[in-house]
Amino acid sequence: MIDGQASLVITSGTYTAADVTRALGIQPDLSAEKGDLRARGNSGAEPIRRRFYETSVWALEVDSTPATMMAVDEDSAKGFATLHALVDRLLGRGETLTQIRQYYTVALSWYGTAAEGQTTALLPSALLRDIAELGLDLVVTLYPREQ
């Protein structure tokens, strides 16, 4: 298994991303308020109605790339390094996240690449315990390796 990316994305059609920053005391990796102008992709084919954020967005992301020194090789022991790093940034904020979930949509996710067509993944119990302390559900996506 090759580690990919872990992310926490918090959105709301009513409340602001700035309020999430204040509540959690963490600067996001990405933040936008409802109505903010979106950067248009290279194609320029994005519909006009999508030019503005339709909700506020607050996100933390940890990528597995050579630049971040996360596991980019097939290493099952480090397969969830990005998720460990992201969860570590949030530890001790479980109560705050519970309050935030009353007003925002909160999504914790991780993706990686399978070393072979069919594989298994082992989430370490300590990592599961930390995620549970945060009160978050986890979406896991494992992509097949491109041949």
Protein backbone atom coordinates (compact mmCIF):
# COMPACT_ATOMS: atom_id res chain seq x y z
CA MET A 1 0.00 0.00 0.00
CA ILE A 2 1.27 3.47 -0.87
CA ASP A 3 0.16 6.39 1.31
CA GLY A 4 -1.68 9.14 -0.54
CA GLN A 5 -3.41 11.97 1.31
CA ALA A 6 -5.36 12.62 4.49
CA SER A 7 -7.77 15.52 4.75
CA LEU A 8 -10.26 17.10 7.10
CA VAL A 9 -12.79 19.27 5.28
CA ILE A 10 -15.33 21.39 7.16
CA THR A 11 -18.05 23.19 5.18
CA SER A 12 -21.16 25.27 5.84
CA GLY A 13 -23.67 27.19 3.79
CA THR A 14 -24.39 29.41 6.81
CA TYR A 15 -21.34 29.72 9.05
CA THR A 16 -17.83 30.95 8.24
CA ALA A 17 -14.49 29.24 7.80
CA ALA A 18 -12.96 31.96 9.99
CA ASP A 19 -15.14 30.75 12.90
CA VAL A 20 -13.66 27.24 12.49
CA THR A 21 -10.14 28.68 12.65
CA ARG A 22 -10.99 30.55 15.85
CA ALA A 23 -12.68 27.52 17.45
CA LEU A 24 -9.93 25.00 16.62
CA GLY A 25 -6.99 27.38 16.98
CA ILE A 26 -5.39 25.90 13.85
CA GLN A 27 -4.61 27.72 10.61
CA PRO A 28 -6.11 25.75 7.70
CA ASP A 29 -4.22 24.65 4.63
CA LEU A 30 -7.16 25.89 2.55
CA SER A 31 -9.89 28.30 3.51
CA ALA A 32 -12.62 30.15 1.62
CA GLU A 33 -15.82 31.89 2.56
CA LYS A 34 -19.17 31.45 0.86
CA GLY A 35 -19.25 33.82 -2.11
CA ASP A 36 -15.46 34.05 -2.48
CA LEU A 37 -14.20 33.91 -6.05
CA ARG A 38 -12.79 30.53 -7.08
CA ALA A 39 -9.61 30.31 -9.09
CA ARG A 40 -10.52 29.04 -12.52
CA GLY A 41 -8.79 25.86 -13.70
CA ASN A 42 -6.43 25.81 -16.66
CA SER A 43 -9.16 24.69 -19.04
CA GLY A 44 -11.34 27.75 -18.53
CA ALA A 45 -14.31 25.45 -19.09
CA GLU A 46 -15.66 25.72 -15.56
CA PRO A 47 -19.31 26.83 -15.59
CA ILE A 48 -19.92 30.44 -14.54
CA ARG A 49 -22.18 29.40 -11.63
CA ARG A 50 -19.21 27.54 -10.12
CA ARG A 51 -16.99 30.65 -10.14
CA PHE A 52 -17.86 31.35 -6.51
CA TYR A 53 -17.73 29.14 -3.44
CA GLU A 54 -21.23 27.99 -2.62
CA THR A 55 -20.27 27.18 0.99
CA SER A 56 -17.53 28.19 3.37
CA VAL A 57 -14.64 25.70 3.25
CA TRP A 58 -11.98 25.01 5.88
CA ALA A 59 -9.49 22.22 5.22
CA LEU A 60 -6.38 20.54 6.58
CA GLU A 61 -4.49 18.32 4.14
CA VAL A 62 -1.40 16.16 4.49
CA ASP A 63 0.03 14.82 1.21
CA SER A 64 2.42 11.94 0.77
CA THR A 65 5.01 13.28 -1.62
CA PRO A 66 8.80 13.38 -1.67
CA ALA A 67 8.51 17.00 -0.48
CA THR A 68 6.60 16.00 2.67
CA MET A 69 8.82 12.98 3.34
CA MET A 70 5.80 10.73 3.93
CA ALA A 71 5.69 7.12 2.80
CA VAL A 72 5.78 7.10 -0.98
CA ASP A 73 7.12 3.56 -1.27
CA GLU A 74 5.27 0.35 -0.64
CA ASP A 75 5.59 0.28 3.13
CA SER A 76 2.65 -1.13 5.06
CA ALA A 77 4.12 0.10 8.35
CA LYS A 78 3.91 3.69 7.10
CA GLY A 79 0.80 3.26 4.98
CA PHE A 80 -1.21 5.71 7.06
CA ALA A 81 1.55 8.25 7.84
CA THR A 82 -0.47 11.14 6.39
CA LEU A 83 -3.49 10.19 8.50
CA HIS A 84 -1.29 9.95 11.63
CA ALA A 85 0.14 13.41 10.92
CA LEU A 86 -3.30 14.95 10.36
CA VAL A 87 -4.84 13.35 13.45
CA ASP A 88 -1.85 14.49 15.55
CA ARG A 89 -2.62 18.10 14.53
CA LEU A 90 -6.16 17.69 15.88
CA LEU A 91 -5.58 15.80 19.15
CA GLY A 92 -7.23 17.36 22.17
CA ARG A 93 -9.90 19.04 20.04
CA GLY A 94 -12.58 16.32 20.16
CA GLU A 95 -15.07 18.42 22.15
CA THR A 96 -14.62 21.38 19.82
CA LEU A 97 -15.14 19.15 16.77
CA THR A 98 -18.33 17.78 18.35
CA GLN A 99 -19.62 21.35 18.72
CA ILE A 100 -18.56 22.23 15.16
CA ARG A 101 -20.43 19.19 13.77
CA GLN A 102 -23.68 20.69 15.07
CA TYR A 103 -23.38 23.54 12.53
CA TYR A 104 -20.98 22.30 9.83
CA THR A 105 -20.43 19.26 7.66
CA VAL A 106 -17.20 17.58 8.76
CA ALA A 107 -15.42 14.94 6.66
CA LEU A 108 -12.20 13.10 7.57
CA SER A 109 -10.78 11.07 4.70
CA TRP A 110 -7.69 9.18 3.62
CA TYR A 111 -6.69 7.65 0.31
CA GLY A 112 -3.86 5.45 -0.84
CA THR A 113 -2.88 3.12 -3.65
CA ALA A 114 -2.95 -0.65 -3.46
CA ALA A 115 0.35 -2.32 -4.22
CA GLU A 116 -1.50 -5.12 -5.98
CA GLY A 117 -5.00 -5.66 -7.35
CA GLN A 118 -6.49 -6.95 -4.11
CA THR A 119 -4.97 -5.94 -0.83
CA THR A 120 -5.79 -5.42 2.81
CA ALA A 121 -5.08 -2.45 5.02
CA LEU A 122 -4.47 -2.48 8.75
CA LEU A 123 -5.44 0.64 10.66
CA PRO A 124 -3.39 0.57 13.89
CA SER A 125 -5.48 0.52 17.07
CA ALA A 126 -3.70 3.63 18.42
CA LEU A 127 -4.71 5.55 15.30
CA LEU A 128 -8.29 4.27 15.58
CA ARG A 129 -8.33 5.35 19.25
CA ASP A 130 -7.16 8.87 18.33
CA ILE A 131 -9.77 9.18 15.58
CA ALA A 132 -12.45 8.00 18.03
CA GLU A 133 -11.27 10.61 20.57
CA LEU A 134 -11.90 13.23 17.91
CA GLY A 135 -15.38 11.81 17.35
CA LEU A 136 -14.85 11.62 13.60
CA ASP A 137 -15.94 9.07 11.04
CA LEU A 138 -13.28 8.14 8.51
CA VAL A 139 -13.74 7.59 4.78
CA VAL A 140 -11.00 5.36 3.34
CA THR A 141 -10.40 5.00 -0.40
CA LEU A 142 -7.86 2.55 -1.76
CA TYR A 143 -7.15 2.95 -5.47
CA PRO A 144 -5.73 0.18 -7.62
CA ARG A 145 -2.22 0.78 -8.92
CA GLU A 146 -2.18 1.82 -12.54
CA GLN A 147 -0.55 -0.85 -14.69
